[in-house]
Amino acid sequence: MEHHIQHTDIYALAPHHRFQWEEAQQSYVILFPEGMVKLHGGAGEVIKRVDGKATVGDVVRELKAAFPDAEGIEDDIIGMFEMAVGKAWLRKV
């Protein structure tokens, strides 16, 4: 199921989910009552910018500026939002 993420959409972590750096895993993770998800690569960079105020477009612009040589980064960011919404890690504000 596609979620059709728009640049004007705003997301926040879903209730009962916590995002943090996990030293033991050496990566960002999302913790929730059923367990933990280890975020690889740029996924943590996307989720750490999800604050319930920034739009998807804001996140895209910030990451494009932070990683100017990353080709196809916008598609990757949108894909991460789609996956996170599909797995109910994020909720639309």
N, C-alpha and C. Protein backbone atom coordinates (compact mmCIF):
# COMPACT_ATOMS: atom_id res chain seq x y z
N MET A 1 0.84 -1.19 0.00
CA MET A 1 0.00 0.00 0.00
C MET A 1 0.88 1.24 0.00
N GLU A 2 0.68 2.11 -0.97
CA GLU A 2 1.45 3.34 -1.02
C GLU A 2 0.78 4.40 -0.17
N HIS A 3 1.60 5.25 0.39
CA HIS A 3 1.08 6.29 1.28
C HIS A 3 1.10 7.66 0.64
N HIS A 4 1.73 7.77 -0.53
CA HIS A 4 1.74 9.03 -1.27
C HIS A 4 2.20 10.19 -0.39
N ILE A 5 3.41 10.10 0.07
CA ILE A 5 4.01 11.13 0.91
C ILE A 5 4.14 12.42 0.11
N GLN A 6 3.68 13.51 0.69
CA GLN A 6 3.76 14.84 0.06
C GLN A 6 4.81 15.69 0.77
N HIS A 7 5.41 16.61 0.05
CA HIS A 7 6.42 17.50 0.64
C HIS A 7 5.84 18.38 1.74
N THR A 8 4.54 18.60 1.73
CA THR A 8 3.91 19.45 2.74
C THR A 8 3.47 18.67 3.98
N ASP A 9 3.57 17.35 3.93
CA ASP A 9 3.17 16.53 5.08
C ASP A 9 4.12 16.73 6.25
N ILE A 10 3.59 16.61 7.44
CA ILE A 10 4.37 16.70 8.68
C ILE A 10 4.11 15.42 9.47
N TYR A 11 5.20 14.81 9.95
CA TYR A 11 5.10 13.57 10.70
C TYR A 11 5.78 13.71 12.06
N ALA A 12 5.36 12.83 12.97
CA ALA A 12 5.98 12.70 14.28
C ALA A 12 6.09 11.22 14.59
N LEU A 13 6.92 10.88 15.55
CA LEU A 13 6.99 9.49 15.98
C LEU A 13 5.62 9.08 16.51
N ALA A 14 5.25 7.86 16.23
CA ALA A 14 3.97 7.34 16.71
C ALA A 14 4.01 7.22 18.24
N PRO A 15 2.84 7.27 18.87
CA PRO A 15 2.81 7.09 20.33
C PRO A 15 3.49 5.77 20.72
N HIS A 16 4.14 5.80 21.84
CA HIS A 16 4.82 4.63 22.41
C HIS A 16 6.06 4.21 21.62
N HIS A 17 6.58 5.10 20.78
CA HIS A 17 7.81 4.86 20.04
C HIS A 17 8.84 5.89 20.50
N ARG A 18 10.08 5.46 20.61
CA ARG A 18 11.16 6.37 21.00
C ARG A 18 12.33 6.17 20.04
N PHE A 19 12.90 7.27 19.59
CA PHE A 19 14.05 7.26 18.69
C PHE A 19 15.27 7.65 19.50
N GLN A 20 16.35 6.91 19.35
CA GLN A 20 17.57 7.26 20.09
C GLN A 20 18.78 6.59 19.47
N TRP A 21 19.96 7.13 19.81
CA TRP A 21 21.22 6.50 19.45
C TRP A 21 21.47 5.39 20.46
N GLU A 22 21.75 4.20 19.97
CA GLU A 22 22.01 3.06 20.83
C GLU A 22 23.49 2.71 20.70
N GLU A 23 24.23 3.04 21.75
CA GLU A 23 25.68 2.84 21.73
C GLU A 23 26.03 1.37 21.47
N ALA A 24 25.34 0.46 22.12
CA ALA A 24 25.64 -0.97 21.96
C ALA A 24 25.45 -1.42 20.51
N GLN A 25 24.51 -0.82 19.80
CA GLN A 25 24.25 -1.17 18.41
C GLN A 25 25.08 -0.33 17.43
N GLN A 26 25.65 0.77 17.95
CA GLN A 26 26.37 1.74 17.11
C GLN A 26 25.50 2.23 15.95
N SER A 27 24.23 2.49 16.30
CA SER A 27 23.29 3.01 15.30
C SER A 27 22.08 3.62 16.01
N TYR A 28 21.30 4.34 15.20
CA TYR A 28 20.02 4.83 15.71
C TYR A 28 19.04 3.68 15.73
N VAL A 29 18.13 3.74 16.68
CA VAL A 29 17.10 2.71 16.81
C VAL A 29 15.76 3.38 17.11
N ILE A 30 14.70 2.66 16.83
CA ILE A 30 13.36 3.03 17.28
C ILE A 30 12.95 1.95 18.26
N LEU A 31 12.63 2.38 19.47
CA LEU A 31 12.17 1.47 20.52
C LEU A 31 10.66 1.58 20.64
N PHE A 32 10.00 0.45 20.83
CA PHE A 32 8.56 0.43 21.02
C PHE A 32 8.23 -0.79 21.86
N PRO A 33 7.01 -0.87 22.40
CA PRO A 33 6.70 -1.96 23.35
C PRO A 33 7.00 -3.36 22.82
N GLU A 34 6.84 -3.59 21.53
CA GLU A 34 7.05 -4.92 20.97
C GLU A 34 8.52 -5.21 20.67
N GLY A 35 9.38 -4.20 20.75
CA GLY A 35 10.78 -4.46 20.45
C GLY A 35 11.56 -3.24 20.02
N MET A 36 12.52 -3.47 19.13
CA MET A 36 13.43 -2.43 18.69
C MET A 36 13.74 -2.65 17.21
N VAL A 37 13.88 -1.54 16.49
CA VAL A 37 14.30 -1.59 15.09
C VAL A 37 15.60 -0.83 14.97
N LYS A 38 16.61 -1.49 14.44
CA LYS A 38 17.90 -0.86 14.18
C LYS A 38 17.82 -0.19 12.82
N LEU A 39 18.13 1.10 12.78
CA LEU A 39 18.05 1.86 11.53
C LEU A 39 19.43 1.92 10.88
N HIS A 40 19.51 1.49 9.66
CA HIS A 40 20.77 1.46 8.94
C HIS A 40 20.96 2.71 8.11
N GLY A 41 22.21 3.08 7.92
CA GLY A 41 22.56 4.17 7.01
C GLY A 41 21.80 5.45 7.23
N GLY A 42 21.25 5.95 6.14
CA GLY A 42 20.57 7.23 6.18
C GLY A 42 19.21 7.22 6.85
N ALA A 43 18.68 6.05 7.18
CA ALA A 43 17.37 5.99 7.82
C ALA A 43 17.35 6.78 9.12
N GLY A 44 18.41 6.65 9.91
CA GLY A 44 18.51 7.41 11.16
C GLY A 44 18.58 8.90 10.92
N GLU A 45 19.27 9.28 9.83
CA GLU A 45 19.36 10.71 9.48
C GLU A 45 17.99 11.28 9.15
N VAL A 46 17.15 10.48 8.51
CA VAL A 46 15.79 10.93 8.20
C VAL A 46 14.97 11.05 9.48
N ILE A 47 14.93 9.98 10.25
CA ILE A 47 14.06 9.94 11.43
C ILE A 47 14.47 10.96 12.48
N LYS A 48 15.76 11.23 12.62
CA LYS A 48 16.16 12.21 13.64
C LYS A 48 15.69 13.62 13.31
N ARG A 49 15.27 13.85 12.08
CA ARG A 49 14.75 15.16 11.68
C ARG A 49 13.22 15.24 11.76
N VAL A 50 12.58 14.13 12.09
CA VAL A 50 11.12 14.09 12.22
C VAL A 50 10.77 14.56 13.62
N ASP A 51 10.19 15.75 13.70
CA ASP A 51 9.94 16.35 15.02
C ASP A 51 8.50 16.84 15.21
N GLY A 52 7.62 16.54 14.28
CA GLY A 52 6.25 17.02 14.40
C GLY A 52 6.07 18.45 13.95
N LYS A 53 7.16 19.08 13.46
CA LYS A 53 7.09 20.47 12.99
C LYS A 53 7.63 20.61 11.58
N ALA A 54 8.70 19.89 11.26
CA ALA A 54 9.32 19.97 9.94
C ALA A 54 8.47 19.21 8.93
N THR A 55 8.34 19.80 7.75
CA THR A 55 7.64 19.11 6.67
C THR A 55 8.59 18.10 6.04
N VAL A 56 8.03 17.21 5.25
CA VAL A 56 8.85 16.27 4.49
C VAL A 56 9.80 17.06 3.59
N GLY A 57 9.31 18.12 2.99
CA GLY A 57 10.15 18.98 2.15
C GLY A 57 11.32 19.58 2.92
N ASP A 58 11.08 19.97 4.17
CA ASP A 58 12.16 20.50 5.01
C ASP A 58 13.24 19.44 5.22
N VAL A 59 12.82 18.22 5.49
CA VAL A 59 13.75 17.12 5.72
C VAL A 59 14.54 16.84 4.44
N VAL A 60 13.86 16.83 3.31
CA VAL A 60 14.54 16.60 2.03
C VAL A 60 15.59 17.68 1.79
N ARG A 61 15.22 18.94 1.97
CA ARG A 61 16.16 20.05 1.74
C ARG A 61 17.36 19.96 2.67
N GLU A 62 17.11 19.68 3.93
CA GLU A 62 18.20 19.60 4.91
C GLU A 62 19.17 18.46 4.57
N LEU A 63 18.63 17.32 4.20
CA LEU A 63 19.50 16.19 3.88
C LEU A 63 20.21 16.37 2.55
N LYS A 64 19.57 17.02 1.57
CA LYS A 64 20.26 17.32 0.32
C LYS A 64 21.44 18.26 0.58
N ALA A 65 21.27 19.22 1.49
CA ALA A 65 22.35 20.13 1.82
C ALA A 65 23.45 19.41 2.60
N ALA A 66 23.08 18.50 3.49
CA ALA A 66 24.06 17.78 4.31
C ALA A 66 24.84 16.74 3.49
N PHE A 67 24.20 16.18 2.47
CA PHE A 67 24.82 15.13 1.64
C PHE A 67 24.68 15.49 0.16
N PRO A 68 25.37 16.56 -0.28
CA PRO A 68 25.17 17.07 -1.65
C PRO A 68 25.60 16.10 -2.75
N ASP A 69 26.45 15.15 -2.45
CA ASP A 69 26.93 14.22 -3.48
C ASP A 69 26.09 12.94 -3.58
N ALA A 70 25.09 12.81 -2.74
CA ALA A 70 24.27 11.59 -2.72
C ALA A 70 23.23 11.65 -3.84
N GLU A 71 23.44 10.85 -4.87
CA GLU A 71 22.49 10.82 -5.99
C GLU A 71 21.23 10.07 -5.59
N GLY A 72 20.09 10.58 -6.04
CA GLY A 72 18.82 9.92 -5.77
C GLY A 72 18.37 10.00 -4.32
N ILE A 73 18.95 10.93 -3.57
CA ILE A 73 18.66 11.01 -2.13
C ILE A 73 17.19 11.33 -1.87
N GLU A 74 16.57 12.15 -2.71
CA GLU A 74 15.17 12.51 -2.46
C GLU A 74 14.28 11.27 -2.52
N ASP A 75 14.49 10.42 -3.50
CA ASP A 75 13.69 9.19 -3.61
C ASP A 75 13.92 8.29 -2.39
N ASP A 76 15.16 8.23 -1.91
CA ASP A 76 15.47 7.43 -0.72
C ASP A 76 14.77 7.98 0.51
N ILE A 77 14.74 9.28 0.65
CA ILE A 77 14.09 9.92 1.80
C ILE A 77 12.58 9.65 1.77
N ILE A 78 11.98 9.87 0.62
CA ILE A 78 10.54 9.62 0.49
C ILE A 78 10.25 8.15 0.75
N GLY A 79 11.09 7.27 0.24
CA GLY A 79 10.92 5.84 0.49
C GLY A 79 11.00 5.50 1.96
N MET A 80 11.90 6.17 2.68
CA MET A 80 12.02 5.93 4.12
C MET A 80 10.75 6.39 4.84
N PHE A 81 10.23 7.55 4.46
CA PHE A 81 8.96 8.01 5.05
C PHE A 81 7.85 7.00 4.76
N GLU A 82 7.76 6.52 3.52
CA GLU A 82 6.71 5.57 3.18
C GLU A 82 6.83 4.29 4.00
N MET A 83 8.05 3.79 4.15
CA MET A 83 8.24 2.57 4.94
C MET A 83 7.87 2.81 6.41
N ALA A 84 8.35 3.93 6.98
CA ALA A 84 8.11 4.21 8.39
C ALA A 84 6.62 4.42 8.68
N VAL A 85 5.91 5.05 7.76
CA VAL A 85 4.46 5.22 7.93
C VAL A 85 3.78 3.86 7.79
N GLY A 86 4.20 3.08 6.82
CA GLY A 86 3.62 1.76 6.59
C GLY A 86 3.80 0.82 7.78
N LYS A 87 4.91 0.98 8.50
CA LYS A 87 5.19 0.15 9.67
C LYS A 87 4.65 0.77 10.96
N ALA A 88 3.98 1.93 10.82
CA ALA A 88 3.36 2.64 11.95
C ALA A 88 4.38 3.17 12.94
N TRP A 89 5.59 3.48 12.47
CA TRP A 89 6.59 4.14 13.34
C TRP A 89 6.32 5.63 13.39
N LEU A 90 5.71 6.16 12.32
CA LEU A 90 5.41 7.59 12.24
C LEU A 90 3.92 7.78 12.08
N ARG A 91 3.46 8.93 12.54
CA ARG A 91 2.06 9.31 12.34
C ARG A 91 2.03 10.71 11.75
N LYS A 92 1.05 10.95 10.93
CA LYS A 92 0.89 12.27 10.31
C LYS A 92 0.32 13.23 11.35
N VAL A 93 0.89 14.43 11.37
CA VAL A 93 0.45 15.45 12.33
C VAL A 93 -0.66 16.27 11.70
